[in-house]
Amino acid sequence: MKDKITMIHYKTKPEVELIRESSLLVGNALAEVAKHIKPGITSLFLDEVAERFIRDNGGVPSFKGYRDFPFASCISVNDAVVHGFPTKNELKDGDVVSVDLGVYKNGFHGDSAYTFALGIVSDDVKQLMRVTKDSLYKGIEKAIVGNRIGDISFTVQEYTEKQFGYGVVRELVGHGLGRHLHEDPQVPNYGKRGTGAKLKDGMVIAIEPMINLGTKDVYHDKDGWTIRTKDKSPSAHYEHTICVQRNKADILSSFTEIQIAEKANANLCSEY
C-alpha cells in the first residue's frame, strides 16, 4: 500500500491536531477489537466490529477501497506479516493476530497497528512481541528535528536484528501520511545512521516495525495482498503515527485504550 507522492508535506499545527483526532480514533477502534477478540470468532467479524466503530464515530476506514482493498482492516494471523485479509476462519488459542487500521476524518488520515496473542503462547513469541513494540518506541526516540530517517531505521534494525537475531522485513516500510494515506518519506526498519531525508518540524510519519521470529524473507499469498514469512514463523507488527518535533516526537496515536482492553480480556495474553 503506497501512493506515489513526490514531495514531503510538512503539516501546520492545526493539521497535526486533525491527524491526531484521526489517529486517536484508530486507537479506540483497535481497543474495540481488543474487547471482542477471542478463540472461536473470525477475523471477518473483527473487521466488521472495527468498521462499525469507525463509522459510528464519524470516520471512514482508510483502507477500504484503497487500490481495491476490500476490507476496513488488515488482520494478519501467525505467519502473515501485514495486509492480511479478514476471513471466515475461526481464531484459535495460541494465534498471534496483528490488526492494522486507518481512519480518514476531517480531511486527514491516521494509521496504527497492534499485535495480540490469544491464550497461551510460547516465551519466544512473547519476546518477539515485546521486542517489536520496544523497537517502535526506540525508533520514535530518534524522530526529532535534525536527525535523519536512517537514524530511525538503524535503531529499529540494530535492536531487533543485531541484538535478538530477528528478521527485519525489507519489502515493507513505514511512511509519511496526512491528506494521503501514504506520503513521502518512506521509513524503512533497516538502514544506516545519517542517511535519508532530514527530519524537520511538522513532518508526520508512521513508524511501523514488522519483525519476524525467523527469516526476514517474505512472499505474497495468492490473494495478492497478504504478506507471509517464507519460513512460516510468526511475525509481530506495531505502528504509531508521530509528528517530528525538536526535542521529543509527538505521538499522535495511542496504545493506552488498547492495552486497557487487552488486560481486561481474559482471552488475551497481556503479560509479555
C-alpha atoms as a PDB file:
ATOM      1  CA  MET A   1       0.000   0.000   0.000  1.00  0.00           C
ATOM      2  CA  LYS A   2       1.988   3.029  -1.189  1.00  0.00           C
ATOM      3  CA  ASP A   3       0.923   6.090  -3.120  1.00  0.00           C
ATOM      4  CA  LYS A   4       3.413   7.749  -5.435  1.00  0.00           C
ATOM      5  CA  ILE A   5       3.920  11.158  -3.831  1.00  0.00           C
ATOM      6  CA  THR A   6       6.924  13.169  -4.957  1.00  0.00           C
ATOM      7  CA  MET A   7       7.479  15.534  -2.018  1.00  0.00           C
ATOM      8  CA  ILE A   8       7.246  15.767   1.751  1.00  0.00           C
ATOM      9  CA  HIS A   9       4.270  17.744   3.013  1.00  0.00           C
ATOM     10  CA  TYR A  10       5.027  19.459   6.320  1.00  0.00           C
ATOM     11  CA  LYS A  11       1.962  19.949   8.489  1.00  0.00           C
ATOM     12  CA  THR A  12       0.778  23.040  10.315  1.00  0.00           C
ATOM     13  CA  LYS A  13      -0.195  22.756  13.974  1.00  0.00           C
ATOM     14  CA  PRO A  14      -3.937  22.736  13.146  1.00  0.00           C
ATOM     15  CA  GLU A  15      -3.337  19.979  10.579  1.00  0.00           C
ATOM     16  CA  VAL A  16      -1.385  17.958  13.149  1.00  0.00           C
ATOM     17  CA  GLU A  17      -4.344  18.178  15.523  1.00  0.00           C
ATOM     18  CA  LEU A  18      -6.673  16.847  12.830  1.00  0.00           C
ATOM     19  CA  ILE A  19      -4.288  13.951  12.208  1.00  0.00           C
ATOM     20  CA  ARG A  20      -4.213  13.353  15.969  1.00  0.00           C
ATOM     21  CA  GLU A  21      -8.019  13.116  16.011  1.00  0.00           C
ATOM     22  CA  SER A  22      -7.973  10.519  13.231  1.00  0.00           C
ATOM     23  CA  SER A  23      -5.122   8.629  14.883  1.00  0.00           C
ATOM     24  CA  LEU A  24      -6.806   8.504  18.285  1.00  0.00           C
ATOM     25  CA  LEU A  25      -9.933   7.136  16.645  1.00  0.00           C
ATOM     26  CA  VAL A  26      -7.766   4.375  15.166  1.00  0.00           C
ATOM     27  CA  GLY A  27      -6.531   3.533  18.665  1.00  0.00           C
ATOM     28  CA  ASN A  28     -10.041   3.439  20.043  1.00  0.00           C
ATOM     29  CA  ALA A  29     -11.151   1.198  17.181  1.00  0.00           C
ATOM     30  CA  LEU A  30      -8.247  -1.151  17.916  1.00  0.00           C
ATOM     31  CA  ALA A  31      -9.338  -1.158  21.557  1.00  0.00           C
ATOM     32  CA  GLU A  32     -12.832  -2.142  20.437  1.00  0.00           C
ATOM     33  CA  VAL A  33     -11.286  -5.042  18.533  1.00  0.00           C
ATOM     34  CA  ALA A  34      -9.336  -5.979  21.677  1.00  0.00           C
ATOM     35  CA  LYS A  35     -12.604  -6.223  23.614  1.00  0.00           C
ATOM     36  CA  HIS A  36     -14.074  -8.724  21.156  1.00  0.00           C
ATOM     37  CA  ILE A  37     -11.135 -10.860  20.083  1.00  0.00           C
ATOM     38  CA  LYS A  38     -11.171 -14.433  21.388  1.00  0.00           C
ATOM     39  CA  PRO A  39     -10.824 -18.009  20.154  1.00  0.00           C
ATOM     40  CA  GLY A  40     -13.794 -19.157  18.087  1.00  0.00           C
ATOM     41  CA  ILE A  41     -14.613 -15.880  16.360  1.00  0.00           C
ATOM     42  CA  THR A  42     -13.457 -14.915  12.885  1.00  0.00           C
ATOM     43  CA  SER A  43     -11.196 -12.120  11.755  1.00  0.00           C
ATOM     44  CA  LEU A  44     -14.006 -11.137   9.386  1.00  0.00           C
ATOM     45  CA  PHE A  45     -16.179 -10.465  12.448  1.00  0.00           C
ATOM     46  CA  LEU A  46     -13.416  -8.290  13.919  1.00  0.00           C
ATOM     47  CA  ASP A  47     -13.236  -6.368  10.655  1.00  0.00           C
ATOM     48  CA  GLU A  48     -16.958  -5.649  10.942  1.00  0.00           C
ATOM     49  CA  VAL A  49     -16.501  -4.520  14.561  1.00  0.00           C
ATOM     50  CA  ALA A  50     -13.744  -2.110  13.548  1.00  0.00           C
ATOM     51  CA  GLU A  51     -15.600  -0.657  10.570  1.00  0.00           C
ATOM     52  CA  ARG A  52     -18.789  -0.128  12.531  1.00  0.00           C
ATOM     53  CA  PHE A  53     -16.915   1.618  15.341  1.00  0.00           C
ATOM     54  CA  ILE A  54     -15.023   3.897  12.952  1.00  0.00           C
ATOM     55  CA  ARG A  55     -18.157   4.925  11.067  1.00  0.00           C
ATOM     56  CA  ASP A  56     -20.202   5.361  14.262  1.00  0.00           C
ATOM     57  CA  ASN A  57     -17.575   7.864  15.411  1.00  0.00           C
ATOM     58  CA  GLY A  58     -17.585   9.967  12.266  1.00  0.00           C
ATOM     59  CA  GLY A  59     -14.676   8.408  10.430  1.00  0.00           C
ATOM     60  CA  VAL A  60     -14.194   6.421   7.253  1.00  0.00           C
ATOM     61  CA  PRO A  61     -11.931   3.340   7.088  1.00  0.00           C
ATOM     62  CA  SER A  62      -8.843   4.463   5.154  1.00  0.00           C
ATOM     63  CA  PHE A  63      -8.051   1.019   3.808  1.00  0.00           C
ATOM     64  CA  LYS A  64     -11.422   0.033   2.393  1.00  0.00           C
ATOM     65  CA  GLY A  65     -11.330   0.574  -1.363  1.00  0.00           C
ATOM     66  CA  TYR A  66      -7.713   1.705  -1.301  1.00  0.00           C
ATOM     67  CA  ARG A  67      -6.314   0.198  -4.507  1.00  0.00           C
ATOM     68  CA  ASP A  68      -9.378  -2.064  -4.344  1.00  0.00           C
ATOM     69  CA  PHE A  69      -8.545  -3.480  -0.906  1.00  0.00           C
ATOM     70  CA  PRO A  70     -11.929  -4.939   0.089  1.00  0.00           C
ATOM     71  CA  PHE A  71     -11.849  -4.616   3.891  1.00  0.00           C
ATOM     72  CA  ALA A  72     -11.699  -1.941   6.588  1.00  0.00           C
ATOM     73  CA  SER A  73      -8.779  -3.582   8.360  1.00  0.00           C
ATOM     74  CA  CYS A  74      -5.707  -5.665   7.695  1.00  0.00           C
ATOM     75  CA  ILE A  75      -5.776  -8.654  10.051  1.00  0.00           C
ATOM     76  CA  SER A  76      -2.671 -10.819   9.832  1.00  0.00           C
ATOM     77  CA  VAL A  77      -2.531 -14.124  11.725  1.00  0.00           C
ATOM     78  CA  ASN A  78       0.629 -16.016  12.753  1.00  0.00           C
ATOM     79  CA  ASP A  79       2.942 -16.170   9.699  1.00  0.00           C
ATOM     80  CA  ALA A  80       1.064 -13.329   7.987  1.00  0.00           C
ATOM     81  CA  VAL A  81       3.159 -10.184   8.400  1.00  0.00           C
ATOM     82  CA  VAL A  82       0.825  -7.464   7.114  1.00  0.00           C
ATOM     83  CA  HIS A  83      -2.046  -6.758   4.703  1.00  0.00           C
ATOM     84  CA  GLY A  84      -3.876  -9.897   5.804  1.00  0.00           C
ATOM     85  CA  PHE A  85      -7.403 -10.444   4.502  1.00  0.00           C
ATOM     86  CA  PRO A  86     -10.032 -10.913   7.209  1.00  0.00           C
ATOM     87  CA  THR A  87     -11.533 -14.384   6.709  1.00  0.00           C
ATOM     88  CA  LYS A  88     -14.222 -16.733   7.961  1.00  0.00           C
ATOM     89  CA  ASN A  89     -11.593 -18.944   9.589  1.00  0.00           C
ATOM     90  CA  GLU A  90     -12.056 -19.120  13.361  1.00  0.00           C
ATOM     91  CA  LEU A  91      -9.233 -17.796  15.506  1.00  0.00           C
ATOM     92  CA  LYS A  92      -7.774 -20.258  17.982  1.00  0.00           C
ATOM     93  CA  ASP A  93      -5.816 -20.351  21.207  1.00  0.00           C
ATOM     94  CA  GLY A  94      -2.145 -19.579  20.550  1.00  0.00           C
ATOM     95  CA  ASP A  95      -2.750 -17.400  17.490  1.00  0.00           C
ATOM     96  CA  VAL A  96      -0.742 -14.205  17.020  1.00  0.00           C
ATOM     97  CA  VAL A  97      -3.026 -11.593  15.456  1.00  0.00           C
ATOM     98  CA  SER A  98      -1.832  -8.242  14.100  1.00  0.00           C
ATOM     99  CA  VAL A  99      -4.538  -5.677  13.384  1.00  0.00           C
ATOM    100  CA  ASP A 100      -3.725  -2.629  11.246  1.00  0.00           C
ATOM    101  CA  LEU A 101      -6.302   0.161  10.875  1.00  0.00           C
ATOM    102  CA  GLY A 102      -6.518   3.541   9.201  1.00  0.00           C
ATOM    103  CA  VAL A 103      -9.090   6.300   9.658  1.00  0.00           C
ATOM    104  CA  TYR A 104      -9.929   9.206   7.371  1.00  0.00           C
ATOM    105  CA  LYS A 105     -11.664  12.087   9.135  1.00  0.00           C
ATOM    106  CA  ASN A 106     -11.789  15.845   8.575  1.00  0.00           C
ATOM    107  CA  GLY A 107      -9.571  15.520   5.511  1.00  0.00           C
ATOM    108  CA  PHE A 108      -6.694  13.648   7.182  1.00  0.00           C
ATOM    109  CA  HIS A 109      -5.645  10.057   7.793  1.00  0.00           C
ATOM    110  CA  GLY A 110      -4.475   8.337  10.949  1.00  0.00           C
ATOM    111  CA  ASP A 111      -2.749   4.945  10.994  1.00  0.00           C
ATOM    112  CA  SER A 112      -1.819   2.494  13.747  1.00  0.00           C
ATOM    113  CA  ALA A 113      -1.333  -1.225  14.338  1.00  0.00           C
ATOM    114  CA  TYR A 114      -1.143  -3.599  17.292  1.00  0.00           C
ATOM    115  CA  THR A 115      -0.395  -7.282  17.760  1.00  0.00           C
ATOM    116  CA  PHE A 116      -2.447  -9.523  20.061  1.00  0.00           C
ATOM    117  CA  ALA A 117      -1.727 -13.024  21.359  1.00  0.00           C
ATOM    118  CA  LEU A 118      -4.672 -15.312  22.063  1.00  0.00           C
ATOM    119  CA  GLY A 119      -4.430 -17.505  25.133  1.00  0.00           C
ATOM    120  CA  ILE A 120      -1.191 -19.350  25.791  1.00  0.00           C
ATOM    121  CA  VAL A 121       1.760 -18.545  23.536  1.00  0.00           C
ATOM    122  CA  SER A 122       5.412 -19.528  23.762  1.00  0.00           C
ATOM    123  CA  ASP A 123       8.054 -17.462  25.521  1.00  0.00           C
ATOM    124  CA  ASP A 124       9.672 -16.953  22.097  1.00  0.00           C
ATOM    125  CA  VAL A 125       6.511 -15.305  20.780  1.00  0.00           C
ATOM    126  CA  LYS A 126       6.142 -13.177  23.905  1.00  0.00           C
ATOM    127  CA  GLN A 127       9.684 -11.936  23.475  1.00  0.00           C
ATOM    128  CA  LEU A 128       9.096 -11.198  19.779  1.00  0.00           C
ATOM    129  CA  MET A 129       6.070  -9.071  20.649  1.00  0.00           C
ATOM    130  CA  ARG A 130       7.857  -7.250  23.452  1.00  0.00           C
ATOM    131  CA  VAL A 131      10.966  -6.539  21.401  1.00  0.00           C
ATOM    132  CA  THR A 132       8.975  -5.389  18.363  1.00  0.00           C
ATOM    133  CA  LYS A 133       6.939  -2.974  20.480  1.00  0.00           C
ATOM    134  CA  ASP A 134      10.073  -1.738  22.248  1.00  0.00           C
ATOM    135  CA  SER A 135      11.780  -1.188  18.890  1.00  0.00           C
ATOM    136  CA  LEU A 136       8.908   1.070  17.852  1.00  0.00           C
ATOM    137  CA  TYR A 137       9.497   3.354  20.812  1.00  0.00           C
ATOM    138  CA  LYS A 138      13.262   3.274  20.335  1.00  0.00           C
ATOM    139  CA  GLY A 139      12.695   4.389  16.754  1.00  0.00           C
ATOM    140  CA  ILE A 140      10.341   7.142  17.881  1.00  0.00           C
ATOM    141  CA  GLU A 141      13.051   8.470  20.196  1.00  0.00           C
ATOM    142  CA  LYS A 142      15.130   9.231  17.097  1.00  0.00           C
ATOM    143  CA  ALA A 143      12.293  11.099  15.326  1.00  0.00           C
ATOM    144  CA  ILE A 144      13.468  14.575  16.266  1.00  0.00           C
ATOM    145  CA  VAL A 145      14.459  17.644  14.278  1.00  0.00           C
ATOM    146  CA  GLY A 146      17.990  17.369  12.887  1.00  0.00           C
ATOM    147  CA  ASN A 147      18.122  13.588  12.699  1.00  0.00           C
ATOM    148  CA  ARG A 148      17.507  11.631   9.500  1.00  0.00           C
ATOM    149  CA  ILE A 149      15.172   8.813   8.521  1.00  0.00           C
ATOM    150  CA  GLY A 150      18.142   6.445   8.597  1.00  0.00           C
ATOM    151  CA  ASP A 151      18.595   7.127  12.315  1.00  0.00           C
ATOM    152  CA  ILE A 152      15.130   5.695  12.967  1.00  0.00           C
ATOM    153  CA  SER A 153      15.739   2.785  10.599  1.00  0.00           C
ATOM    154  CA  PHE A 154      19.135   1.900  12.056  1.00  0.00           C
ATOM    155  CA  THR A 155      17.819   1.965  15.620  1.00  0.00           C
ATOM    156  CA  VAL A 156      14.979  -0.472  14.876  1.00  0.00           C
ATOM    157  CA  GLN A 157      17.271  -2.823  12.963  1.00  0.00           C
ATOM    158  CA  GLU A 158      20.106  -2.683  15.490  1.00  0.00           C
ATOM    159  CA  TYR A 159      17.783  -3.604  18.341  1.00  0.00           C
ATOM    160  CA  THR A 160      15.687  -6.321  16.691  1.00  0.00           C
ATOM    161  CA  GLU A 161      18.156  -7.896  14.281  1.00  0.00           C
ATOM    162  CA  LYS A 162      21.553  -7.366  15.847  1.00  0.00           C
ATOM    163  CA  GLN A 163      20.552  -7.906  19.488  1.00  0.00           C
ATOM    164  CA  PHE A 164      17.883 -10.575  19.077  1.00  0.00           C
ATOM    165  CA  GLY A 165      18.529 -12.130  15.670  1.00  0.00           C
ATOM    166  CA  TYR A 166      15.028 -11.464  14.325  1.00  0.00           C
ATOM    167  CA  GLY A 167      14.151 -10.979  10.668  1.00  0.00           C
ATOM    168  CA  VAL A 168      13.525  -7.344   9.735  1.00  0.00           C
ATOM    169  CA  VAL A 169      11.235  -7.239   6.700  1.00  0.00           C
ATOM    170  CA  ARG A 170      12.815  -5.266   3.840  1.00  0.00           C
ATOM    171  CA  GLU A 171       9.929  -5.121   1.353  1.00  0.00           C
ATOM    172  CA  LEU A 172       7.583  -3.132   3.604  1.00  0.00           C
ATOM    173  CA  VAL A 173       8.186   0.233   5.236  1.00  0.00           C
ATOM    174  CA  GLY A 174       6.617   2.992   7.300  1.00  0.00           C
ATOM    175  CA  HIS A 175       5.611   6.193   5.578  1.00  0.00           C
ATOM    176  CA  GLY A 176       4.516   9.779   5.746  1.00  0.00           C
ATOM    177  CA  LEU A 177       0.804  10.481   5.939  1.00  0.00           C
ATOM    178  CA  GLY A 178      -1.681  13.313   6.055  1.00  0.00           C
ATOM    179  CA  ARG A 179      -4.187  14.137   3.345  1.00  0.00           C
ATOM    180  CA  HIS A 180      -2.932  10.977   1.624  1.00  0.00           C
ATOM    181  CA  LEU A 181      -2.764   7.620   3.388  1.00  0.00           C
ATOM    182  CA  HIS A 182       0.804   7.138   2.161  1.00  0.00           C
ATOM    183  CA  GLU A 183       3.111  10.065   1.526  1.00  0.00           C
ATOM    184  CA  ASP A 184       6.842  10.621   1.367  1.00  0.00           C
ATOM    185  CA  PRO A 185       9.140   9.865   3.037  1.00  0.00           C
ATOM    186  CA  GLN A 186       9.357   6.107   3.298  1.00  0.00           C
ATOM    187  CA  VAL A 187      10.508   4.924   6.728  1.00  0.00           C
ATOM    188  CA  PRO A 188      12.319   1.563   6.494  1.00  0.00           C
ATOM    189  CA  ASN A 189      13.017  -0.565   9.559  1.00  0.00           C
ATOM    190  CA  TYR A 190      16.595  -1.108   8.432  1.00  0.00           C
ATOM    191  CA  GLY A 191      19.327   1.232   7.250  1.00  0.00           C
ATOM    192  CA  LYS A 192      22.317   3.387   8.084  1.00  0.00           C
ATOM    193  CA  ARG A 193      22.549   6.254  10.525  1.00  0.00           C
ATOM    194  CA  GLY A 194      22.843   9.682   8.964  1.00  0.00           C
ATOM    195  CA  THR A 195      21.134   8.718   5.708  1.00  0.00           C
ATOM    196  CA  GLY A 196      17.756   9.509   4.199  1.00  0.00           C
ATOM    197  CA  ALA A 197      15.535  12.558   4.435  1.00  0.00           C
ATOM    198  CA  LYS A 198      16.332  15.087   7.140  1.00  0.00           C
ATOM    199  CA  LEU A 199      13.705  15.227   9.876  1.00  0.00           C
ATOM    200  CA  LYS A 200      12.055  18.622  10.192  1.00  0.00           C
ATOM    201  CA  ASP A 201       9.403  20.159  12.398  1.00  0.00           C
ATOM    202  CA  GLY A 202       5.916  19.305  11.135  1.00  0.00           C
ATOM    203  CA  MET A 203       6.864  16.070   9.395  1.00  0.00           C
ATOM    204  CA  VAL A 204       4.225  13.432  10.185  1.00  0.00           C
ATOM    205  CA  ILE A 205       5.243   9.801   9.706  1.00  0.00           C
ATOM    206  CA  ALA A 206       4.009   6.342  10.592  1.00  0.00           C
ATOM    207  CA  ILE A 207       6.749   4.216  12.138  1.00  0.00           C
ATOM    208  CA  GLU A 208       5.867   0.525  11.989  1.00  0.00           C
ATOM    209  CA  PRO A 209       8.364  -2.234  12.759  1.00  0.00           C
ATOM    210  CA  MET A 210       7.381  -5.524  11.075  1.00  0.00           C
ATOM    211  CA  ILE A 211       9.580  -8.142  12.686  1.00  0.00           C
ATOM    212  CA  ASN A 212       9.721 -11.901  12.093  1.00  0.00           C
ATOM    213  CA  LEU A 213      10.728 -14.544  14.620  1.00  0.00           C
ATOM    214  CA  GLY A 214      12.701 -16.277  11.855  1.00  0.00           C
ATOM    215  CA  THR A 215      13.876 -15.193   8.432  1.00  0.00           C
ATOM    216  CA  LYS A 216      13.398 -11.699   7.019  1.00  0.00           C
ATOM    217  CA  ASP A 217      12.210 -13.232   3.744  1.00  0.00           C
ATOM    218  CA  VAL A 218       8.538 -12.928   2.804  1.00  0.00           C
ATOM    219  CA  TYR A 219       6.198 -13.712  -0.076  1.00  0.00           C
ATOM    220  CA  HIS A 220       2.796 -12.648  -1.412  1.00  0.00           C
ATOM    221  CA  ASP A 221      -0.093 -15.003  -0.721  1.00  0.00           C
ATOM    222  CA  LYS A 222      -2.407 -15.968  -3.577  1.00  0.00           C
ATOM    223  CA  ASP A 223      -4.931 -13.257  -2.577  1.00  0.00           C
ATOM    224  CA  GLY A 224      -2.431 -10.716  -3.893  1.00  0.00           C
ATOM    225  CA  TRP A 225      -2.269  -8.767  -0.642  1.00  0.00           C
ATOM    226  CA  THR A 226      -1.301 -10.882   2.364  1.00  0.00           C
ATOM    227  CA  ILE A 227       2.449 -10.915   3.028  1.00  0.00           C
ATOM    228  CA  ARG A 228       3.721 -14.086   4.761  1.00  0.00           C
ATOM    229  CA  THR A 229       7.048 -15.208   6.184  1.00  0.00           C
ATOM    230  CA  LYS A 230       8.840 -17.683   3.937  1.00  0.00           C
ATOM    231  CA  ASP A 231       9.734 -19.987   6.810  1.00  0.00           C
ATOM    232  CA  LYS A 232       6.198 -19.855   8.295  1.00  0.00           C
ATOM    233  CA  SER A 233       7.496 -18.270  11.507  1.00  0.00           C
ATOM    234  CA  PRO A 234       5.227 -15.802  13.357  1.00  0.00           C
ATOM    235  CA  SER A 235       5.548 -12.063  12.873  1.00  0.00           C
ATOM    236  CA  ALA A 236       4.710  -9.022  15.001  1.00  0.00           C
ATOM    237  CA  HIS A 237       3.702  -5.515  13.928  1.00  0.00           C
ATOM    238  CA  TYR A 238       3.215  -2.322  15.930  1.00  0.00           C
ATOM    239  CA  GLU A 239       2.668   1.152  14.494  1.00  0.00           C
ATOM    240  CA  HIS A 240       2.326   4.713  15.712  1.00  0.00           C
ATOM    241  CA  THR A 241       1.652   7.913  13.812  1.00  0.00           C
ATOM    242  CA  ILE A 242       4.004  10.615  15.095  1.00  0.00           C
ATOM    243  CA  CYS A 243       4.944  14.227  14.415  1.00  0.00           C
ATOM    244  CA  VAL A 244       8.610  15.205  14.399  1.00  0.00           C
ATOM    245  CA  GLN A 245       9.490  17.910  16.926  1.00  0.00           C
ATOM    246  CA  ARG A 246      12.664  19.485  18.272  1.00  0.00           C
ATOM    247  CA  ASN A 247      13.364  17.530  21.448  1.00  0.00           C
ATOM    248  CA  LYS A 248      10.809  14.728  21.544  1.00  0.00           C
ATOM    249  CA  ALA A 249       8.434  13.317  18.950  1.00  0.00           C
ATOM    250  CA  ASP A 250       4.721  13.895  19.463  1.00  0.00           C
ATOM    251  CA  ILE A 251       2.947  10.518  19.333  1.00  0.00           C
ATOM    252  CA  LEU A 252      -0.423  11.234  17.714  1.00  0.00           C
ATOM    253  CA  SER A 253      -1.883   7.740  18.044  1.00  0.00           C
ATOM    254  CA  SER A 254      -2.259   5.900  21.345  1.00  0.00           C
ATOM    255  CA  PHE A 255      -1.998   2.365  22.707  1.00  0.00           C
ATOM    256  CA  THR A 256      -3.487   3.316  26.100  1.00  0.00           C
ATOM    257  CA  GLU A 257      -7.066   2.211  25.471  1.00  0.00           C
ATOM    258  CA  ILE A 258      -5.854  -0.860  23.571  1.00  0.00           C
ATOM    259  CA  GLN A 259      -3.722  -2.005  26.497  1.00  0.00           C
ATOM    260  CA  ILE A 260      -6.560  -1.441  28.964  1.00  0.00           C
ATOM    261  CA  ALA A 261      -8.844  -3.621  26.827  1.00  0.00           C
ATOM    262  CA  GLU A 262      -6.071  -6.162  26.308  1.00  0.00           C
ATOM    263  CA  LYS A 263      -5.571  -6.620  30.054  1.00  0.00           C
ATOM    264  CA  ALA A 264      -9.307  -6.802  30.686  1.00  0.00           C
ATOM    265  CA  ASN A 265      -9.804  -9.571  28.102  1.00  0.00           C
ATOM    266  CA  ALA A 266      -9.102 -12.923  29.740  1.00  0.00           C
ATOM    267  CA  ASN A 267      -8.659 -14.485  26.279  1.00  0.00           C
ATOM    268  CA  LEU A 268      -5.573 -12.393  25.566  1.00  0.00           C
ATOM    269  CA  CYS A 269      -2.014 -12.730  26.761  1.00  0.00           C
ATOM    270  CA  SER A 270      -1.195  -9.252  28.099  1.00  0.00           C
ATOM    271  CA  GLU A 271       1.976 -10.064  30.027  1.00  0.00           C
ATOM    272  CA  TYR A 272       4.886 -10.037  27.633  1.00  0.00           C
END
